[in-house]
């Protein structure tokens, strides 16, 4: 299973839209455009397909934790 597959499955499972994913990534100061994001969800044989790297998936998961739990409390 590729990072693209993981991102697609999370998107469907959580009923997220492109704007939701962009906002989640902004929570961890990671900027991505809507066109770059849509390239991640294309079919592998599409000419504009983009492979989802570890950095994008890691930042998305970290942002998702912040969105679901809230920011870490300061010690």
N, C-alpha and C. Protein backbone atom coordinates (compact mmCIF):
# COMPACT_ATOMS: atom_id res chain seq x y z
N UNK A 1 0.85 -1.18 0.00
CA UNK A 1 0.00 0.00 0.00
C UNK A 1 0.89 1.24 0.00
N UNK A 2 0.62 2.15 -0.91
CA UNK A 2 1.44 3.36 -1.03
C UNK A 2 0.90 4.45 -0.11
N UNK A 3 1.69 5.50 0.04
CA UNK A 3 1.26 6.65 0.82
C UNK A 3 0.01 7.28 0.20
N UNK A 4 -0.07 7.26 -1.13
CA UNK A 4 -1.25 7.81 -1.81
C UNK A 4 -2.50 7.03 -1.40
N UNK A 5 -2.37 5.70 -1.32
CA UNK A 5 -3.51 4.87 -0.92
C UNK A 5 -3.94 5.18 0.52
N UNK A 6 -2.99 5.34 1.40
CA UNK A 6 -3.29 5.65 2.80
C UNK A 6 -4.02 6.99 2.89
N UNK A 7 -3.52 7.99 2.16
CA UNK A 7 -4.14 9.31 2.17
C UNK A 7 -5.56 9.25 1.60
N UNK A 8 -5.76 8.51 0.52
CA UNK A 8 -7.09 8.36 -0.07
C UNK A 8 -8.05 7.69 0.90
N UNK A 9 -7.61 6.63 1.55
CA UNK A 9 -8.48 5.90 2.48
C UNK A 9 -8.84 6.74 3.70
N UNK A 10 -7.89 7.53 4.20
CA UNK A 10 -8.20 8.41 5.32
C UNK A 10 -9.17 9.51 4.89
N UNK A 11 -9.00 10.00 3.69
CA UNK A 11 -9.89 11.04 3.16
C UNK A 11 -11.33 10.53 3.10
N UNK A 12 -11.50 9.32 2.61
CA UNK A 12 -12.85 8.74 2.51
C UNK A 12 -13.40 8.40 3.88
N UNK A 13 -12.59 7.78 4.73
CA UNK A 13 -13.05 7.34 6.04
C UNK A 13 -13.49 8.52 6.91
N UNK A 14 -12.79 9.65 6.78
CA UNK A 14 -13.10 10.82 7.61
C UNK A 14 -13.96 11.84 6.89
N UNK A 15 -14.38 11.54 5.66
CA UNK A 15 -15.21 12.42 4.84
C UNK A 15 -14.59 13.81 4.72
N UNK A 16 -13.31 13.85 4.35
CA UNK A 16 -12.59 15.12 4.22
C UNK A 16 -12.65 15.63 2.79
N UNK A 17 -12.73 16.92 2.65
CA UNK A 17 -12.66 17.57 1.35
C UNK A 17 -11.25 18.13 1.17
N UNK A 18 -10.97 18.60 -0.03
CA UNK A 18 -9.64 19.17 -0.30
C UNK A 18 -9.33 20.32 0.65
N UNK A 19 -10.31 21.18 0.88
CA UNK A 19 -10.06 22.32 1.77
C UNK A 19 -9.79 21.87 3.20
N UNK A 20 -10.44 20.79 3.62
CA UNK A 20 -10.19 20.24 4.97
C UNK A 20 -8.75 19.75 5.09
N UNK A 21 -8.28 19.05 4.07
CA UNK A 21 -6.92 18.52 4.09
C UNK A 21 -5.91 19.66 4.08
N UNK A 22 -6.17 20.69 3.30
CA UNK A 22 -5.27 21.85 3.25
C UNK A 22 -5.21 22.53 4.61
N UNK A 23 -6.37 22.66 5.28
CA UNK A 23 -6.40 23.27 6.61
C UNK A 23 -5.67 22.41 7.64
N UNK A 24 -5.81 21.10 7.54
CA UNK A 24 -5.10 20.20 8.45
C UNK A 24 -3.59 20.35 8.27
N UNK A 25 -3.14 20.46 7.03
CA UNK A 25 -1.71 20.63 6.78
C UNK A 25 -1.21 21.99 7.26
N UNK A 26 -2.07 23.00 7.22
CA UNK A 26 -1.68 24.32 7.72
C UNK A 26 -1.46 24.32 9.23
N UNK A 27 -2.11 23.39 9.93
CA UNK A 27 -1.93 23.31 11.38
C UNK A 27 -0.48 22.98 11.76
N UNK A 28 0.24 22.32 10.86
CA UNK A 28 1.64 21.98 11.11
C UNK A 28 2.57 22.80 10.22
N UNK A 29 2.07 23.95 9.74
CA UNK A 29 2.84 24.88 8.91
C UNK A 29 3.36 24.23 7.64
N UNK A 30 2.53 23.42 7.00
CA UNK A 30 2.89 22.80 5.72
C UNK A 30 1.92 23.31 4.67
N UNK A 31 2.45 24.03 3.71
CA UNK A 31 1.63 24.63 2.65
C UNK A 31 1.58 23.72 1.44
N UNK A 32 0.39 23.51 0.89
CA UNK A 32 0.21 22.74 -0.33
C UNK A 32 -0.96 23.37 -1.08
N UNK A 33 -0.82 23.46 -2.40
CA UNK A 33 -1.90 24.05 -3.19
C UNK A 33 -2.95 23.00 -3.51
N UNK A 34 -4.11 23.47 -3.93
CA UNK A 34 -5.20 22.56 -4.26
C UNK A 34 -4.85 21.69 -5.46
N UNK A 35 -4.10 22.23 -6.42
CA UNK A 35 -3.70 21.43 -7.60
C UNK A 35 -2.67 20.37 -7.24
N UNK A 36 -1.75 20.71 -6.34
CA UNK A 36 -0.78 19.71 -5.89
C UNK A 36 -1.49 18.59 -5.14
N UNK A 37 -2.48 18.95 -4.34
CA UNK A 37 -3.23 17.96 -3.58
C UNK A 37 -4.04 17.05 -4.51
N UNK A 38 -4.66 17.63 -5.53
CA UNK A 38 -5.46 16.81 -6.44
C UNK A 38 -4.58 15.85 -7.24
N UNK A 39 -3.32 16.22 -7.46
CA UNK A 39 -2.40 15.33 -8.17
C UNK A 39 -2.11 14.07 -7.35
N UNK A 40 -2.22 14.16 -6.04
CA UNK A 40 -1.99 13.00 -5.17
C UNK A 40 -3.12 11.99 -5.27
N UNK A 41 -4.31 12.45 -5.62
CA UNK A 41 -5.49 11.58 -5.67
C UNK A 41 -5.79 11.06 -7.07
N UNK A 42 -4.97 11.38 -8.04
CA UNK A 42 -5.20 10.89 -9.41
C UNK A 42 -4.79 9.43 -9.54
N UNK A 43 -5.21 8.83 -10.65
CA UNK A 43 -4.81 7.45 -10.95
C UNK A 43 -3.32 7.42 -11.30
N UNK A 44 -2.67 6.31 -10.99
CA UNK A 44 -1.22 6.21 -11.20
C UNK A 44 -0.81 6.38 -12.65
N UNK A 45 -1.68 6.04 -13.59
CA UNK A 45 -1.33 6.16 -15.01
C UNK A 45 -1.65 7.54 -15.59
N UNK A 46 -2.20 8.43 -14.78
CA UNK A 46 -2.52 9.79 -15.24
C UNK A 46 -1.22 10.58 -15.39
N UNK A 47 -1.13 11.42 -16.43
CA UNK A 47 0.12 12.18 -16.63
C UNK A 47 0.46 13.16 -15.51
N UNK A 48 -0.54 13.65 -14.78
CA UNK A 48 -0.29 14.61 -13.70
C UNK A 48 -0.26 13.97 -12.31
N UNK A 49 -0.16 12.65 -12.27
CA UNK A 49 -0.09 11.93 -10.99
C UNK A 49 1.18 12.31 -10.25
N UNK A 50 1.06 12.49 -8.95
CA UNK A 50 2.23 12.80 -8.12
C UNK A 50 2.29 11.81 -6.97
N UNK A 51 3.46 11.27 -6.74
CA UNK A 51 3.65 10.33 -5.64
C UNK A 51 3.63 11.08 -4.32
N UNK A 52 2.90 10.57 -3.36
CA UNK A 52 2.81 11.17 -2.03
C UNK A 52 4.05 10.75 -1.25
N UNK A 53 4.87 11.69 -0.91
CA UNK A 53 6.08 11.39 -0.16
C UNK A 53 5.81 11.20 1.32
N UNK A 54 6.80 10.69 2.00
CA UNK A 54 6.68 10.46 3.44
C UNK A 54 6.43 11.76 4.20
N UNK A 55 7.04 12.86 3.73
CA UNK A 55 6.91 14.14 4.42
C UNK A 55 5.46 14.63 4.39
N UNK A 56 4.80 14.51 3.25
CA UNK A 56 3.42 14.96 3.14
C UNK A 56 2.51 14.13 4.05
N UNK A 57 2.66 12.81 4.00
CA UNK A 57 1.82 11.94 4.83
C UNK A 57 2.10 12.16 6.31
N UNK A 58 3.36 12.32 6.68
CA UNK A 58 3.72 12.55 8.09
C UNK A 58 3.10 13.85 8.59
N UNK A 59 3.21 14.92 7.79
CA UNK A 59 2.64 16.20 8.20
C UNK A 59 1.12 16.13 8.27
N UNK A 60 0.50 15.39 7.34
CA UNK A 60 -0.95 15.24 7.39
C UNK A 60 -1.38 14.52 8.66
N UNK A 61 -0.69 13.44 9.01
CA UNK A 61 -1.04 12.69 10.22
C UNK A 61 -0.82 13.52 11.48
N UNK A 62 0.26 14.28 11.52
CA UNK A 62 0.51 15.15 12.68
C UNK A 62 -0.56 16.24 12.78
N UNK A 63 -0.95 16.81 11.64
CA UNK A 63 -2.02 17.81 11.63
C UNK A 63 -3.35 17.22 12.03
N UNK A 64 -3.60 15.98 11.62
CA UNK A 64 -4.84 15.30 11.97
C UNK A 64 -4.93 15.06 13.48
N UNK A 65 -3.81 14.74 14.10
CA UNK A 65 -3.77 14.56 15.55
C UNK A 65 -4.12 15.88 16.24
N UNK A 66 -3.55 16.97 15.75
CA UNK A 66 -3.83 18.29 16.33
C UNK A 66 -5.30 18.65 16.15
N UNK A 67 -5.85 18.35 14.98
CA UNK A 67 -7.26 18.68 14.73
C UNK A 67 -8.19 17.86 15.62
N UNK A 68 -7.90 16.58 15.78
CA UNK A 68 -8.79 15.71 16.56
C UNK A 68 -8.63 15.88 18.07
N UNK A 69 -7.41 16.03 18.55
CA UNK A 69 -7.14 16.11 20.00
C UNK A 69 -6.97 17.53 20.49
N UNK A 70 -6.55 18.42 19.60
CA UNK A 70 -6.20 19.76 20.00
C UNK A 70 -4.69 19.86 20.15
N UNK A 71 -4.16 21.08 20.27
CA UNK A 71 -2.71 21.23 20.40
C UNK A 71 -2.21 20.67 21.72
N UNK A 72 -0.92 20.30 21.71
CA UNK A 72 -0.32 19.77 22.94
C UNK A 72 -0.28 20.86 24.01
N UNK A 73 -0.65 20.50 25.23
CA UNK A 73 -0.59 21.50 26.31
C UNK A 73 0.85 21.83 26.63
N UNK A 74 1.08 23.08 26.98
CA UNK A 74 2.44 23.50 27.35
C UNK A 74 2.75 23.02 28.76
N UNK A 75 3.99 22.63 28.95
CA UNK A 75 4.41 22.11 30.27
C UNK A 75 4.89 23.21 31.17
